[in-house]
Amino acid sequence: MSSLGENDDGEVLEQIASLARRRVLVEFERCELAGDLEDWVGPWFGDEALRERLARHVADGKGVARLRNFLDAAVADELHDELAGTTDWERRAEARPKYQYRFDALSDHRPARFFHASRPTLRRLYGFFNAPATKKWAERLLRAAPGSLDADTTVMATRYGPGCHTSLHSDASARRRLAFVLHLARDWPPERGGDLVFVDPVAICHAEFNTLLVFAVGDDANWHMVTPVVAGDGRFAVTGWFNSEETPAAKPRGDHPTYVLDIDVARRGGGAS
């Protein structure tokens, strides 16, 4: 019998990862009510007054909501320890003219890495963000129709070290409706960099452990960037988007050519016209 080749090994790993993904989705698909997830987030998750307050800010005001102590403390600790012990990060880097980024990631689009058995809590976090009760919570924040977040929630773990950053961008795409960033960096002082900065208006959000940021993905709202990390190697986070197959997509704002006065003084001889 011939031995498995590298391609065969890869296919086997993908099949195992896909099975792990299905198992975690089945585990969490029974979580229809907020109370079903209290082991993860506590009783506040079902607080109607709090959800209405969040909806007024996120959907009506197009603002950013910051929820400290989002996860149960033990769950947050387990996630941090799993990410801190991870050695198989995948480098993501690109330098397009209008968008540059550099960071390490574990993406659910690469299931053999994301759903590895060494990270059971991260694997189950994927199920948490895809649970019916969590999607209902997100729909309420958006004032969206029940069932409108009908696509799988995208989940990605990230690590920012020295030199890692993202330039100014909008998350608008064909499916994304609500973005989230769950910070899992321990004792991360602002002077290390890695702040999530929103513009128009300006808001600077430092990386605080076990803090969730949520914001609507819109045409002209919530453009943001991550400032370069200058020290430290443990700016961990789990980021992603609640997605829809049917809702009309937001479109990223285009350039405003009249905003920047563009003069080539060499061509004009450096003198006044």
Protein backbone atom coordinates (compact mmCIF):
# COMPACT_ATOMS: atom_id res chain seq x y z
CA MET A 1 0.00 0.00 0.00
CA SER A 2 1.39 3.39 -0.96
CA SER A 3 1.80 6.05 1.71
CA LEU A 4 -0.27 9.20 1.73
CA GLY A 5 1.17 12.17 -0.11
CA GLU A 6 1.14 15.74 1.11
CA ASN A 7 -2.04 16.51 -0.81
CA ASP A 8 -3.77 13.47 0.69
CA ASP A 9 -2.65 14.49 4.17
CA GLY A 10 -4.05 17.96 3.58
CA GLU A 11 -7.39 16.58 2.45
CA VAL A 12 -7.61 14.37 5.55
CA LEU A 13 -6.87 17.34 7.82
CA GLU A 14 -9.53 19.43 6.08
CA GLN A 15 -12.07 16.62 6.48
CA ILE A 16 -11.27 16.30 10.18
CA ALA A 17 -11.56 20.07 10.61
CA SER A 18 -14.87 20.17 8.74
CA LEU A 19 -16.19 17.46 11.05
CA ALA A 20 -15.08 19.49 14.09
CA ARG A 21 -16.85 22.54 12.66
CA ARG A 22 -20.09 20.62 12.14
CA ARG A 23 -19.94 19.21 15.66
CA VAL A 24 -19.54 22.62 17.28
CA LEU A 25 -22.36 24.08 15.18
CA VAL A 26 -24.65 21.22 16.20
CA GLU A 27 -23.70 21.81 19.85
CA PHE A 28 -24.67 25.49 19.69
CA GLU A 29 -27.65 25.31 17.32
CA ARG A 30 -29.76 24.30 20.32
CA CYS A 31 -28.97 27.67 21.94
CA GLU A 32 -32.09 29.53 20.86
CA LEU A 33 -32.53 31.76 23.92
CA ALA A 34 -30.15 34.16 25.64
CA GLY A 35 -30.32 32.05 28.80
CA ASP A 36 -28.87 29.10 26.90
CA LEU A 37 -25.54 30.96 26.68
CA GLU A 38 -25.21 32.16 30.29
CA ASP A 39 -22.19 29.88 30.81
CA TRP A 40 -20.44 32.10 28.26
CA VAL A 41 -21.77 35.61 28.81
CA GLY A 42 -23.95 35.73 31.91
CA PRO A 43 -27.56 36.86 32.50
CA TRP A 44 -27.00 40.39 31.17
CA PHE A 45 -27.13 38.93 27.64
CA GLY A 46 -30.92 38.69 27.84
CA ASP A 47 -31.47 42.15 29.34
CA GLU A 48 -34.06 43.83 27.08
CA ALA A 49 -33.30 47.34 28.34
CA LEU A 50 -29.59 46.90 27.64
CA ARG A 51 -30.25 45.56 24.14
CA GLU A 52 -32.47 48.54 23.37
CA ARG A 53 -29.78 50.91 24.62
CA LEU A 54 -27.23 49.18 22.39
CA ALA A 55 -29.59 49.32 19.39
CA ARG A 56 -30.13 53.06 19.82
CA HIS A 57 -26.38 53.56 19.73
CA VAL A 58 -25.32 50.99 17.11
CA ALA A 59 -28.24 50.97 14.66
CA ASP A 60 -29.77 54.41 15.16
CA GLY A 61 -26.65 56.40 16.02
CA LYS A 62 -24.18 54.40 13.89
CA GLY A 63 -21.81 54.41 16.84
CA VAL A 64 -19.44 51.87 18.38
CA ALA A 65 -20.44 49.95 21.51
CA ARG A 66 -17.77 48.76 23.93
CA LEU A 67 -18.77 45.93 26.28
CA ARG A 68 -16.23 45.26 29.02
CA ASN A 69 -16.13 41.86 30.75
CA PHE A 70 -18.05 40.44 27.81
CA LEU A 71 -17.26 36.77 28.35
CA ASP A 72 -17.30 34.74 31.52
CA ALA A 73 -13.89 35.33 33.14
CA ALA A 74 -12.89 31.66 32.96
CA VAL A 75 -13.77 31.45 29.25
CA ALA A 76 -11.75 34.61 28.52
CA ASP A 77 -8.76 33.20 30.40
CA GLU A 78 -8.93 29.94 28.45
CA LEU A 79 -9.07 31.80 25.13
CA HIS A 80 -6.08 33.95 26.05
CA ASP A 81 -4.03 30.92 27.09
CA GLU A 82 -4.86 29.07 23.86
CA LEU A 83 -3.85 32.02 21.69
CA ALA A 84 -0.71 32.67 23.74
CA GLY A 85 0.30 29.03 23.22
CA THR A 86 -0.39 29.05 19.47
CA THR A 87 2.63 28.55 17.20
CA ASP A 88 0.98 27.95 13.81
CA TRP A 89 -0.17 31.49 13.04
CA GLU A 90 -0.54 32.42 9.38
CA ARG A 91 0.95 35.76 8.34
CA ARG A 92 -1.45 38.09 6.54
CA ALA A 93 0.18 41.01 4.75
CA GLU A 94 -0.67 43.14 1.74
CA ALA A 95 0.34 46.58 0.51
CA ARG A 96 -2.21 47.75 -2.01
CA PRO A 97 -2.22 51.46 -2.87
CA LYS A 98 -5.36 52.17 -0.83
CA TYR A 99 -5.13 49.50 1.87
CA GLN A 100 -2.20 47.99 3.75
CA TYR A 101 -2.17 45.48 6.57
CA ARG A 102 0.13 43.11 8.42
CA PHE A 103 -0.82 40.69 11.21
CA ASP A 104 -0.97 37.00 12.11
CA ALA A 105 -4.24 35.11 11.91
CA LEU A 106 -6.18 31.89 12.39
CA SER A 107 -9.20 32.06 10.11
CA ASP A 108 -12.28 29.87 9.91
CA HIS A 109 -11.63 29.92 6.15
CA ARG A 110 -8.62 27.71 6.90
CA PRO A 111 -10.42 25.13 9.05
CA ALA A 112 -7.49 22.76 9.53
CA ARG A 113 -5.74 25.51 11.52
CA PHE A 114 -8.70 27.18 13.19
CA PHE A 115 -10.43 24.01 14.37
CA HIS A 116 -7.26 22.31 15.61
CA ALA A 117 -7.81 20.14 18.69
CA SER A 118 -5.24 22.18 20.67
CA ARG A 119 -7.68 25.13 20.75
CA PRO A 120 -11.01 23.71 22.03
CA THR A 121 -12.28 27.00 23.49
CA LEU A 122 -11.57 28.94 20.29
CA ARG A 123 -13.33 26.21 18.35
CA ARG A 124 -16.39 26.51 20.60
CA LEU A 125 -16.27 30.31 20.36
CA TYR A 126 -17.04 29.84 16.67
CA GLY A 127 -20.18 28.01 17.73
CA PHE A 128 -21.06 30.77 20.20
CA PHE A 129 -20.94 33.48 17.51
CA ASN A 130 -23.01 31.26 15.20
CA ALA A 131 -25.58 30.27 17.84
CA PRO A 132 -29.19 31.33 17.05
CA ALA A 133 -29.40 33.29 20.32
CA THR A 134 -26.23 35.26 19.47
CA LYS A 135 -27.50 36.05 15.99
CA LYS A 136 -30.82 37.20 17.46
CA TRP A 137 -28.88 39.49 19.81
CA ALA A 138 -26.94 40.90 16.84
CA GLU A 139 -30.14 41.41 14.83
CA ARG A 140 -31.62 43.40 17.70
CA LEU A 141 -28.53 45.63 17.79
CA LEU A 142 -28.99 46.30 14.06
CA ARG A 143 -32.79 46.56 14.25
CA ALA A 144 -32.70 43.96 11.51
CA ALA A 145 -35.51 41.56 10.65
CA PRO A 146 -35.49 38.26 12.56
CA GLY A 147 -33.53 35.68 10.62
CA SER A 148 -31.80 38.24 8.40
CA LEU A 149 -28.32 37.25 9.64
CA ASP A 150 -28.78 33.98 7.82
CA ALA A 151 -25.18 33.32 6.74
CA ASP A 152 -22.42 31.83 8.86
CA THR A 153 -20.70 34.31 11.16
CA THR A 154 -17.08 34.90 10.15
CA VAL A 155 -14.63 34.36 13.02
CA MET A 156 -10.86 35.02 12.96
CA ALA A 157 -8.26 35.03 15.72
CA THR A 158 -5.47 37.58 15.31
CA ARG A 159 -2.09 38.38 16.82
CA TYR A 160 -0.44 41.78 16.36
CA GLY A 161 3.28 42.07 17.07
CA PRO A 162 5.81 44.82 16.32
CA GLY A 163 5.11 46.40 12.92
CA CYS A 164 1.64 44.89 12.62
CA HIS A 165 -1.15 47.30 11.66
CA THR A 166 -4.02 47.95 9.29
CA SER A 167 -4.52 51.17 7.37
CA LEU A 168 -7.80 53.08 7.21
CA HIS A 169 -10.58 50.98 5.71
CA SER A 170 -14.27 50.16 5.71
CA ASP A 171 -15.46 46.62 6.39
CA ALA A 172 -18.25 46.97 3.82
CA SER A 173 -18.71 43.90 1.61
CA ALA A 174 -21.42 41.86 -0.04
CA ARG A 175 -22.41 40.04 3.18
CA ARG A 176 -21.11 41.81 6.29
CA ARG A 177 -23.62 43.61 8.50
CA LEU A 178 -22.23 43.85 12.05
CA ALA A 179 -18.52 43.80 12.91
CA PHE A 180 -17.04 42.73 16.24
CA VAL A 181 -13.62 42.76 17.89
CA LEU A 182 -13.11 40.76 21.07
CA HIS A 183 -9.86 41.89 22.72
CA LEU A 184 -7.90 39.18 24.53
CA ALA A 185 -4.61 41.01 25.22
CA ARG A 186 -3.53 40.94 28.86
CA ASP A 187 -1.98 44.04 30.45
CA TRP A 188 -1.58 45.83 27.12
CA PRO A 189 -0.67 49.49 27.81
CA PRO A 190 -1.62 52.08 25.17
CA GLU A 191 2.01 53.02 24.56
CA ARG A 192 2.55 49.66 22.84
CA GLY A 193 0.24 50.71 20.01
CA GLY A 194 -2.36 48.47 18.42
CA ASP A 195 -5.25 50.84 19.16
CA LEU A 196 -8.44 50.50 17.13
CA VAL A 197 -9.07 54.04 15.87
CA PHE A 198 -12.32 55.22 14.29
CA VAL A 199 -12.54 58.41 12.24
CA ASP A 200 -15.35 60.85 11.46
CA PRO A 201 -15.75 61.28 14.39
CA VAL A 202 -12.47 60.23 15.95
CA ALA A 203 -12.61 57.59 18.68
CA ILE A 204 -9.59 55.72 20.06
CA CYS A 205 -10.24 52.29 21.59
CA HIS A 206 -7.34 50.71 23.45
CA ALA A 207 -6.92 46.94 23.58
CA GLU A 208 -8.57 45.96 26.88
CA PHE A 209 -8.76 42.35 27.96
CA ASN A 210 -12.18 40.67 27.59
CA THR A 211 -13.75 43.70 25.92
CA LEU A 212 -16.02 43.41 22.87
CA LEU A 213 -16.44 46.23 20.36
CA VAL A 214 -19.40 46.06 17.98
CA PHE A 215 -20.32 48.41 15.15
CA ALA A 216 -22.52 48.40 12.08
CA VAL A 217 -20.91 48.03 8.68
CA GLY A 218 -22.24 51.00 6.72
CA ASP A 219 -21.71 53.17 3.67
CA ASP A 220 -20.15 56.20 5.34
CA ALA A 221 -19.88 55.12 8.96
CA ASN A 222 -17.24 53.47 11.10
CA TRP A 223 -14.12 53.75 8.98
CA HIS A 224 -11.27 52.54 11.15
CA MET A 225 -7.66 51.42 11.40
CA VAL A 226 -5.31 49.64 13.81
CA THR A 227 -2.29 51.72 14.77
CA PRO A 228 1.14 50.05 14.44
CA VAL A 229 2.30 47.93 17.34
CA VAL A 230 5.68 49.20 18.54
CA ALA A 231 6.36 46.72 21.37
CA GLY A 232 5.01 43.44 22.69
CA ASP A 233 3.90 40.34 20.84
CA GLY A 234 0.61 39.44 22.48
CA ARG A 235 -2.02 41.82 21.19
CA PHE A 236 -4.55 39.01 20.72
CA ALA A 237 -8.13 39.42 19.53
CA VAL A 238 -10.96 37.50 17.91
CA THR A 239 -12.62 39.49 15.16
CA GLY A 240 -15.35 38.87 12.63
CA TRP A 241 -18.68 39.77 11.10
CA PHE A 242 -22.30 38.75 11.38
CA ASN A 243 -23.33 38.14 7.79
CA SER A 244 -26.45 38.10 5.63
CA GLU A 245 -27.23 36.43 2.34
CA GLU A 246 -30.19 38.62 1.42
CA THR A 247 -29.94 42.09 2.99
CA PRO A 248 -28.68 44.75 0.54
CA ALA A 249 -24.96 45.21 1.06
CA ALA A 250 -23.33 48.38 2.29
CA LYS A 251 -20.96 49.98 -0.17
CA PRO A 252 -17.59 51.40 0.87
CA ARG A 253 -17.28 55.14 0.56
CA GLY A 254 -15.33 56.20 -2.50
CA ASP A 255 -12.45 58.62 -2.71
CA HIS A 256 -13.20 62.34 -2.63
CA PRO A 257 -10.83 63.80 -5.23
CA THR A 258 -11.72 67.40 -4.40
CA TYR A 259 -10.69 66.95 -0.75
CA VAL A 260 -6.96 66.87 -1.56
CA LEU A 261 -5.47 69.76 -3.55
CA ASP A 262 -3.05 68.07 -5.93
CA ILE A 263 -0.28 70.23 -7.47
CA ASP A 264 2.94 69.07 -9.09
CA VAL A 265 5.15 72.12 -8.57
CA ALA A 266 7.89 70.73 -10.84
CA ARG A 267 5.53 70.73 -13.80
CA ARG A 268 4.41 74.25 -12.98
CA GLY A 269 7.95 75.50 -12.61
CA GLY A 270 7.41 76.24 -8.95
CA GLY A 271 5.92 79.67 -9.72
CA ALA A 272 2.43 81.04 -9.42
CA SER A 273 0.16 80.77 -12.41
